[in-house]
Protein backbone atom coordinates (compact mmCIF):
# COMPACT_ATOMS: atom_id res chain seq x y z
CA MET A 1 1.41 198.40 -35.97
CA SER A 2 0.57 195.52 -38.20
CA PRO A 3 2.79 192.42 -38.50
CA THR A 4 3.69 193.24 -42.13
CA ILE A 5 5.17 196.59 -41.08
CA TRP A 6 7.36 194.86 -38.45
CA LYS A 7 8.50 192.30 -41.00
CA SER A 8 9.46 195.02 -43.47
CA TRP A 9 11.40 196.92 -40.78
CA ILE A 10 13.26 193.76 -39.79
CA ILE A 11 14.09 193.00 -43.42
CA ARG A 12 15.26 196.59 -43.95
CA GLY A 13 17.40 196.41 -40.79
CA VAL A 14 19.05 193.16 -41.88
CA LEU A 15 19.69 194.55 -45.36
CA PHE A 16 21.11 197.75 -43.84
CA LEU A 17 23.49 195.76 -41.60
CA TRP A 18 24.48 193.58 -44.55
CA GLY A 19 25.24 196.72 -46.61
CA ILE A 20 27.38 198.14 -43.80
CA GLN A 21 29.26 194.84 -43.63
CA LEU A 22 29.92 194.94 -47.39
CA ILE A 23 31.17 198.53 -47.15
CA TRP A 24 33.47 197.60 -44.26
CA LEU A 25 34.85 194.58 -46.15
CA GLY A 26 35.44 196.74 -49.23
CA TRP A 27 37.30 199.32 -47.15
CA HIS A 28 39.30 196.62 -45.34
CA PHE A 29 40.39 194.79 -48.51
CA ALA A 30 40.79 197.83 -50.77
CA PRO A 31 44.61 197.62 -50.90
CA GLU A 32 44.46 194.04 -52.18
CA PHE A 33 41.57 194.62 -54.57
CA ALA A 34 43.67 196.20 -57.34
CA ASP A 35 46.14 193.30 -57.22
CA LEU A 36 43.31 190.76 -57.18
CA ALA A 37 41.57 192.42 -60.13
CA GLN A 38 44.84 192.41 -62.10
CA ARG A 39 45.47 188.72 -61.31
CA ALA A 40 41.88 187.79 -62.22
CA ALA A 41 42.17 189.64 -65.54
CA GLN A 42 45.43 187.84 -66.35
CA GLY A 43 44.12 184.43 -65.19
CA ARG A 44 46.69 183.82 -62.46
CA VAL A 45 44.55 183.95 -59.34
CA GLY A 46 46.21 181.04 -57.47
CA ALA A 47 49.74 182.34 -57.96
CA ALA A 48 49.53 184.82 -55.07
CA ILE A 49 49.65 182.17 -52.36
CA ARG A 50 52.50 180.27 -53.98
CA GLN A 51 54.54 183.47 -54.33
CA GLU A 52 54.17 184.36 -50.65
CA ASP A 53 55.44 181.00 -49.42
CA PRO A 54 59.23 180.64 -49.91
CA PHE A 55 58.85 176.85 -49.94
CA TYR A 56 57.20 176.85 -53.40
CA PRO A 57 60.00 178.59 -55.38
CA TRP A 58 62.57 176.52 -53.49
CA LEU A 59 60.83 173.31 -54.57
CA LYS A 60 60.72 174.58 -58.16
CA SER A 61 64.49 175.12 -58.04
CA LEU A 62 64.93 171.61 -56.60
CA ALA A 63 62.86 170.15 -59.42
CA ALA A 64 65.38 171.61 -61.85
CA LEU A 65 68.32 170.41 -59.73
CA ILE A 66 67.27 166.80 -59.02
CA PRO A 67 67.00 164.45 -62.02
CA GLU A 68 63.60 162.84 -62.58
CA GLN A 69 64.89 159.29 -62.13
CA ALA A 70 66.56 160.11 -58.79
CA THR A 71 65.45 159.06 -55.32
CA TYR A 72 65.58 161.52 -52.43
CA VAL A 73 65.22 161.27 -48.67
CA PHE A 74 63.15 164.08 -47.18
CA LEU A 75 63.76 164.89 -43.50
CA ASP A 76 60.73 166.70 -42.12
CA ASN A 77 58.80 166.96 -38.89
CA TYR A 78 55.45 166.45 -40.68
CA GLU A 79 54.45 170.07 -40.20
CA ALA A 80 51.56 171.60 -42.16
CA GLY A 81 51.70 169.22 -45.10
CA LYS A 82 55.08 170.41 -46.39
CA GLU A 83 56.08 166.83 -47.14
CA ILE A 84 53.00 166.35 -49.29
CA GLU A 85 53.73 169.60 -51.08
CA ALA A 86 57.31 168.49 -51.74
CA ARG A 87 56.11 165.13 -53.03
CA TYR A 88 53.66 166.90 -55.35
CA PHE A 89 56.22 169.26 -56.90
CA LEU A 90 58.95 166.62 -57.20
CA VAL A 91 56.48 164.01 -58.47
CA PRO A 92 58.42 161.77 -60.87
CA ARG A 93 61.24 161.40 -58.33
CA ARG A 94 61.05 158.64 -55.73
CA HIS A 95 60.33 160.00 -52.25
CA ILE A 96 61.35 158.60 -48.85
CA LEU A 97 60.17 160.44 -45.74
CA LEU A 98 62.08 160.24 -42.47
CA SER A 99 61.90 162.16 -39.23
CA PRO A 100 64.67 164.71 -38.52
CA SER A 101 65.48 162.81 -35.33
CA VAL A 102 66.35 159.64 -37.27
CA PRO A 103 69.47 157.83 -35.97
CA ALA A 104 72.53 157.98 -38.20
CA ASP A 105 72.76 154.25 -38.80
CA PHE A 106 69.16 154.05 -39.96
CA LEU A 107 69.51 157.14 -42.21
CA PHE A 108 72.63 155.72 -43.86
CA TYR A 109 71.01 152.29 -44.18
CA VAL A 110 67.93 153.75 -45.91
CA ILE A 111 70.08 155.82 -48.27
CA ARG A 112 72.16 152.77 -49.28
CA GLN A 113 69.28 150.30 -49.39
CA GLU A 114 66.89 152.54 -51.35
CA GLY A 115 69.54 154.05 -53.63
CA ALA A 116 68.85 157.65 -52.62
CA SER A 117 70.97 160.25 -54.40
CA PHE A 118 69.76 163.34 -52.55
CA LEU A 119 68.97 164.33 -48.99
CA ILE A 120 66.54 167.21 -48.50
CA VAL A 121 66.20 168.82 -45.08
CA ARG A 122 63.34 171.28 -44.61
CA GLY A 123 64.16 174.03 -42.15
CA GLU A 124 67.41 174.87 -40.41
CA SER A 125 66.73 173.73 -36.86
CA HIS A 126 66.15 170.02 -37.52
CA GLU A 127 69.53 168.58 -36.64
CA GLY A 128 69.06 165.12 -35.23
CA PRO A 129 71.83 162.54 -34.86
CA GLY A 130 71.43 161.34 -38.45
CA LEU A 131 71.81 164.79 -39.96
CA ARG A 132 74.78 165.59 -37.72
CA ALA A 133 76.50 162.40 -38.90
CA ALA A 134 75.65 163.27 -42.51
CA LEU A 135 77.17 166.73 -42.13
CA ALA A 136 80.38 165.15 -40.82
CA SER A 137 80.53 162.55 -43.59
CA PRO A 138 82.35 163.22 -46.89
CA ALA A 139 79.54 161.38 -48.70
CA PHE A 140 77.18 164.38 -48.42
CA GLU A 141 77.82 167.46 -50.56
CA LEU A 142 75.77 170.59 -49.80
CA LEU A 143 74.28 171.97 -53.02
CA PRO A 144 73.76 175.70 -53.67
CA ALA A 145 69.97 175.90 -53.40
CA PRO A 146 69.10 178.87 -51.19
CA GLY A 147 65.74 178.60 -49.54
CA PRO A 148 63.95 177.29 -46.46
CA GLY A 149 66.05 174.15 -46.27
CA ARG A 150 69.20 172.36 -47.37
CA VAL A 151 69.88 169.91 -50.16
CA PHE A 152 72.73 167.41 -50.21
CA ARG A 153 73.98 165.24 -53.06
CA VAL A 154 74.79 161.79 -51.71
CA ASN A 155 77.72 159.70 -52.89
CA ARG A 156 76.60 156.29 -51.62
CA ARG A 157 79.97 154.68 -52.33
CA LEU A 158 81.55 156.86 -49.63
CA LEU A 159 79.08 155.82 -46.93
CA GLU A 160 80.81 153.72 -44.32
CA TRP A 161 79.07 150.71 -42.84
CA GLY A 162 78.82 150.23 -39.14
CA PHE A 163 77.14 151.83 -36.17
CA TYR A 164 76.87 155.62 -36.04
CA ASP A 165 75.25 156.23 -32.65
C-alpha cells in the first residue's frame, strides 16, 4: 500500500474515534442538555452553579440582613475560597477574617477595637475557644438566617474586658 492510503486510514480512524467520543459525551450529558439549552436561551448560564451551592443564597440573605456601613468578623478555616466569596457578596461592608480557633480575648478585642457589629461563622463544627465564649456572652444575639453557618449581632457595649482563656 502507498503512504497516502495509510495516512487516509489513520485520519479516518482518528475521526471515527472522535465521533464515538462525541456520541458518548452526548449520551452521558443528555439529562443536563435540556436544562443547559433552556438556561442558554434565557441568558442565565452561570446561575446553575450558584444555585447548587447553599453558601450563595445564604450570603444573599446576609447582604439583606447586614447594613452596608457595618463591619463584620468572619470566622473561617480558609477552605476553598469561601472567605473570598463572602467578601465579594458582602462588598461594601468592612470585613475582618479570623480563624475559628481564635482565643476569646483576641476575638473580643478585635470586635471592640474594629467596631464590628456582626459575627459570621461558616459551618457548624468550628467552635474554638473564642466562639464558645461568644455563645456564652449576652453580647452576641443569634440571628435567624438559616444556611451553612451562623450569624450573630454584636452589642459591643455588653462585652466585658479582661482575660477569657
